[in-house]
Amino acid sequence: MIAPLRYLFGCRRLRVTGAAPEDFLNALSRADRRFWEPQMLDGMTCTLCVTPRHYEQIERLAERSYCEVETVGLSGLAHDARRLLRRPALLIGLLVRRPFMGLNHFME
């Protein structure tokens, strides 16, 4: 149930580097910014997923926590739609193929 919602709203995977990334995670919780899949890579680096629409506020929270934030991945409906729109031939092929899918059933 959660996976389709995450796909719909999107996910931005972040790498947080700083003296105390756990302080940054606490600041996110205090600011009521949802995050999931936190993983500590070492004592100064962690990764986590957040919704993309709050990214600017998350960057400000990171600066206040003396951390740097780097985007390492994007996923979700909006990201996939932008990628698809950059390939018009693929989009046209998908749209043209759709009406002919039912014809295969009648030809058998």
C-alpha atoms as a PDB file:
ATOM      1  CA  MET A   1       0.000   0.000   0.000  1.00  0.00           C
ATOM      2  CA  ILE A   2       2.816   2.411   0.790  1.00  0.00           C
ATOM      3  CA  ALA A   3       4.876   1.678  -2.346  1.00  0.00           C
ATOM      4  CA  PRO A   4       2.269   3.038  -4.824  1.00  0.00           C
ATOM      5  CA  LEU A   5       1.937   6.220  -2.754  1.00  0.00           C
ATOM      6  CA  ARG A   6       5.692   6.695  -2.684  1.00  0.00           C
ATOM      7  CA  TYR A   7       5.788   6.252  -6.448  1.00  0.00           C
ATOM      8  CA  LEU A   8       2.972   8.768  -6.886  1.00  0.00           C
ATOM      9  CA  PHE A   9       4.586  11.440  -4.685  1.00  0.00           C
ATOM     10  CA  GLY A  10       8.162  10.657  -5.703  1.00  0.00           C
ATOM     11  CA  CYS A  11      11.342  10.019  -3.797  1.00  0.00           C
ATOM     12  CA  ARG A  12      14.636  11.863  -3.642  1.00  0.00           C
ATOM     13  CA  ARG A  13      17.517   9.788  -2.267  1.00  0.00           C
ATOM     14  CA  LEU A  14      19.956  11.981  -0.332  1.00  0.00           C
ATOM     15  CA  ARG A  15      23.468  11.504   0.970  1.00  0.00           C
ATOM     16  CA  VAL A  16      24.085  13.587   4.082  1.00  0.00           C
ATOM     17  CA  THR A  17      27.653  14.267   5.141  1.00  0.00           C
ATOM     18  CA  GLY A  18      28.669  16.159   8.250  1.00  0.00           C
ATOM     19  CA  ALA A  19      30.067  16.001  11.752  1.00  0.00           C
ATOM     20  CA  ALA A  20      26.791  14.668  13.188  1.00  0.00           C
ATOM     21  CA  PRO A  21      24.224  13.510  10.604  1.00  0.00           C
ATOM     22  CA  GLU A  22      22.011  12.237  13.441  1.00  0.00           C
ATOM     23  CA  ASP A  23      21.483  15.885  14.459  1.00  0.00           C
ATOM     24  CA  PHE A  24      20.193  16.519  10.942  1.00  0.00           C
ATOM     25  CA  LEU A  25      17.792  13.563  11.219  1.00  0.00           C
ATOM     26  CA  ASN A  26      16.536  14.951  14.531  1.00  0.00           C
ATOM     27  CA  ALA A  27      16.044  18.372  12.905  1.00  0.00           C
ATOM     28  CA  LEU A  28      14.010  16.723  10.130  1.00  0.00           C
ATOM     29  CA  SER A  29      11.798  15.059  12.714  1.00  0.00           C
ATOM     30  CA  ARG A  30      11.307  18.309  14.645  1.00  0.00           C
ATOM     31  CA  ALA A  31      10.378  20.122  11.390  1.00  0.00           C
ATOM     32  CA  ASP A  32       7.830  17.351  10.653  1.00  0.00           C
ATOM     33  CA  ARG A  33       9.551  16.371   7.404  1.00  0.00           C
ATOM     34  CA  ARG A  34       9.008  12.704   6.668  1.00  0.00           C
ATOM     35  CA  PHE A  35      11.946  10.526   5.688  1.00  0.00           C
ATOM     36  CA  TRP A  36      12.407   6.798   5.299  1.00  0.00           C
ATOM     37  CA  GLU A  37      15.116   4.196   4.770  1.00  0.00           C
ATOM     38  CA  PRO A  38      17.843   5.970   6.772  1.00  0.00           C
ATOM     39  CA  GLN A  39      21.167   4.137   6.570  1.00  0.00           C
ATOM     40  CA  MET A  40      24.359   5.136   8.340  1.00  0.00           C
ATOM     41  CA  LEU A  41      27.267   4.492   5.963  1.00  0.00           C
ATOM     42  CA  ASP A  42      29.886   5.579   8.472  1.00  0.00           C
ATOM     43  CA  GLY A  43      30.114   7.982  11.420  1.00  0.00           C
ATOM     44  CA  MET A  44      29.851  11.057   9.207  1.00  0.00           C
ATOM     45  CA  THR A  45      27.640   9.927   6.296  1.00  0.00           C
ATOM     46  CA  CYS A  46      24.103   8.640   5.974  1.00  0.00           C
ATOM     47  CA  THR A  47      21.568   8.175   3.186  1.00  0.00           C
ATOM     48  CA  LEU A  48      17.808   8.596   3.341  1.00  0.00           C
ATOM     49  CA  CYS A  49      14.749   9.153   1.147  1.00  0.00           C
ATOM     50  CA  VAL A  50      12.504  12.225   1.288  1.00  0.00           C
ATOM     51  CA  THR A  51       9.693  13.679  -0.798  1.00  0.00           C
ATOM     52  CA  PRO A  52      11.094  16.067  -3.441  1.00  0.00           C
ATOM     53  CA  ARG A  53       8.720  18.947  -2.725  1.00  0.00           C
ATOM     54  CA  HIS A  54      10.391  19.806   0.618  1.00  0.00           C
ATOM     55  CA  TYR A  55      13.952  19.696  -0.689  1.00  0.00           C
ATOM     56  CA  GLU A  56      14.703  23.427  -0.231  1.00  0.00           C
ATOM     57  CA  GLN A  57      13.668  23.332   3.422  1.00  0.00           C
ATOM     58  CA  ILE A  58      15.690  20.156   3.933  1.00  0.00           C
ATOM     59  CA  GLU A  59      18.784  21.887   2.516  1.00  0.00           C
ATOM     60  CA  ARG A  60      18.331  24.755   4.994  1.00  0.00           C
ATOM     61  CA  LEU A  61      17.964  22.302   7.873  1.00  0.00           C
ATOM     62  CA  ALA A  62      21.157  20.576   6.766  1.00  0.00           C
ATOM     63  CA  GLU A  63      23.079  23.871   6.751  1.00  0.00           C
ATOM     64  CA  ARG A  64      21.882  24.628  10.287  1.00  0.00           C
ATOM     65  CA  SER A  65      23.066  21.154  11.346  1.00  0.00           C
ATOM     66  CA  TYR A  66      26.478  21.721   9.711  1.00  0.00           C
ATOM     67  CA  CYS A  67      25.829  19.011   7.120  1.00  0.00           C
ATOM     68  CA  GLU A  68      25.975  18.865   3.338  1.00  0.00           C
ATOM     69  CA  VAL A  69      23.179  17.285   1.309  1.00  0.00           C
ATOM     70  CA  GLU A  70      23.719  15.651  -2.069  1.00  0.00           C
ATOM     71  CA  THR A  71      21.049  14.065  -4.267  1.00  0.00           C
ATOM     72  CA  VAL A  72      22.068  10.571  -5.323  1.00  0.00           C
ATOM     73  CA  GLY A  73      18.826   9.424  -6.926  1.00  0.00           C
ATOM     74  CA  LEU A  74      15.345  10.399  -8.058  1.00  0.00           C
ATOM     75  CA  SER A  75      12.328   8.187  -8.606  1.00  0.00           C
ATOM     76  CA  GLY A  76       8.585   8.488  -8.891  1.00  0.00           C
ATOM     77  CA  LEU A  77       5.849   9.368 -11.327  1.00  0.00           C
ATOM     78  CA  ALA A  78       6.956  12.945 -12.034  1.00  0.00           C
ATOM     79  CA  HIS A  79      10.563  11.880 -12.672  1.00  0.00           C
ATOM     80  CA  ASP A  80       9.510   9.009 -14.947  1.00  0.00           C
ATOM     81  CA  ALA A  81       7.100  11.261 -16.866  1.00  0.00           C
ATOM     82  CA  ARG A  82       9.872  13.812 -17.536  1.00  0.00           C
ATOM     83  CA  ARG A  83      12.148  11.026 -18.792  1.00  0.00           C
ATOM     84  CA  LEU A  84       9.393   9.683 -21.042  1.00  0.00           C
ATOM     85  CA  LEU A  85       8.601  13.115 -22.495  1.00  0.00           C
ATOM     86  CA  ARG A  86      12.251  13.538 -23.510  1.00  0.00           C
ATOM     87  CA  ARG A  87      11.801  10.504 -25.796  1.00  0.00           C
ATOM     88  CA  PRO A  88       8.925  11.441 -28.105  1.00  0.00           C
ATOM     89  CA  ALA A  89       9.447   8.450 -30.422  1.00  0.00           C
ATOM     90  CA  LEU A  90       8.967   6.051 -27.523  1.00  0.00           C
ATOM     91  CA  LEU A  91       5.856   7.906 -26.378  1.00  0.00           C
ATOM     92  CA  ILE A  92       4.372   7.841 -29.896  1.00  0.00           C
ATOM     93  CA  GLY A  93       5.163   4.139 -30.183  1.00  0.00           C
ATOM     94  CA  LEU A  94       3.341   3.411 -26.935  1.00  0.00           C
ATOM     95  CA  LEU A  95       0.309   5.411 -28.033  1.00  0.00           C
ATOM     96  CA  VAL A  96       0.177   3.793 -31.497  1.00  0.00           C
ATOM     97  CA  ARG A  97       0.637   0.270 -30.152  1.00  0.00           C
ATOM     98  CA  ARG A  98      -2.258   0.496 -27.701  1.00  0.00           C
ATOM     99  CA  PRO A  99      -5.146   0.279 -30.251  1.00  0.00           C
ATOM    100  CA  PHE A 100      -3.514  -2.687 -32.016  1.00  0.00           C
ATOM    101  CA  MET A 101      -3.169  -4.773 -28.860  1.00  0.00           C
ATOM    102  CA  GLY A 102      -6.806  -5.899 -29.143  1.00  0.00           C
ATOM    103  CA  LEU A 103      -6.361  -6.947 -32.798  1.00  0.00           C
ATOM    104  CA  ASN A 104      -3.974  -9.771 -31.853  1.00  0.00           C
ATOM    105  CA  HIS A 105      -6.826 -11.468 -30.048  1.00  0.00           C
ATOM    106  CA  PHE A 106      -9.016 -11.471 -33.142  1.00  0.00           C
ATOM    107  CA  MET A 107      -6.242 -12.701 -35.482  1.00  0.00           C
ATOM    108  CA  GLU A 108      -5.654 -15.944 -33.559  1.00  0.00           C
END
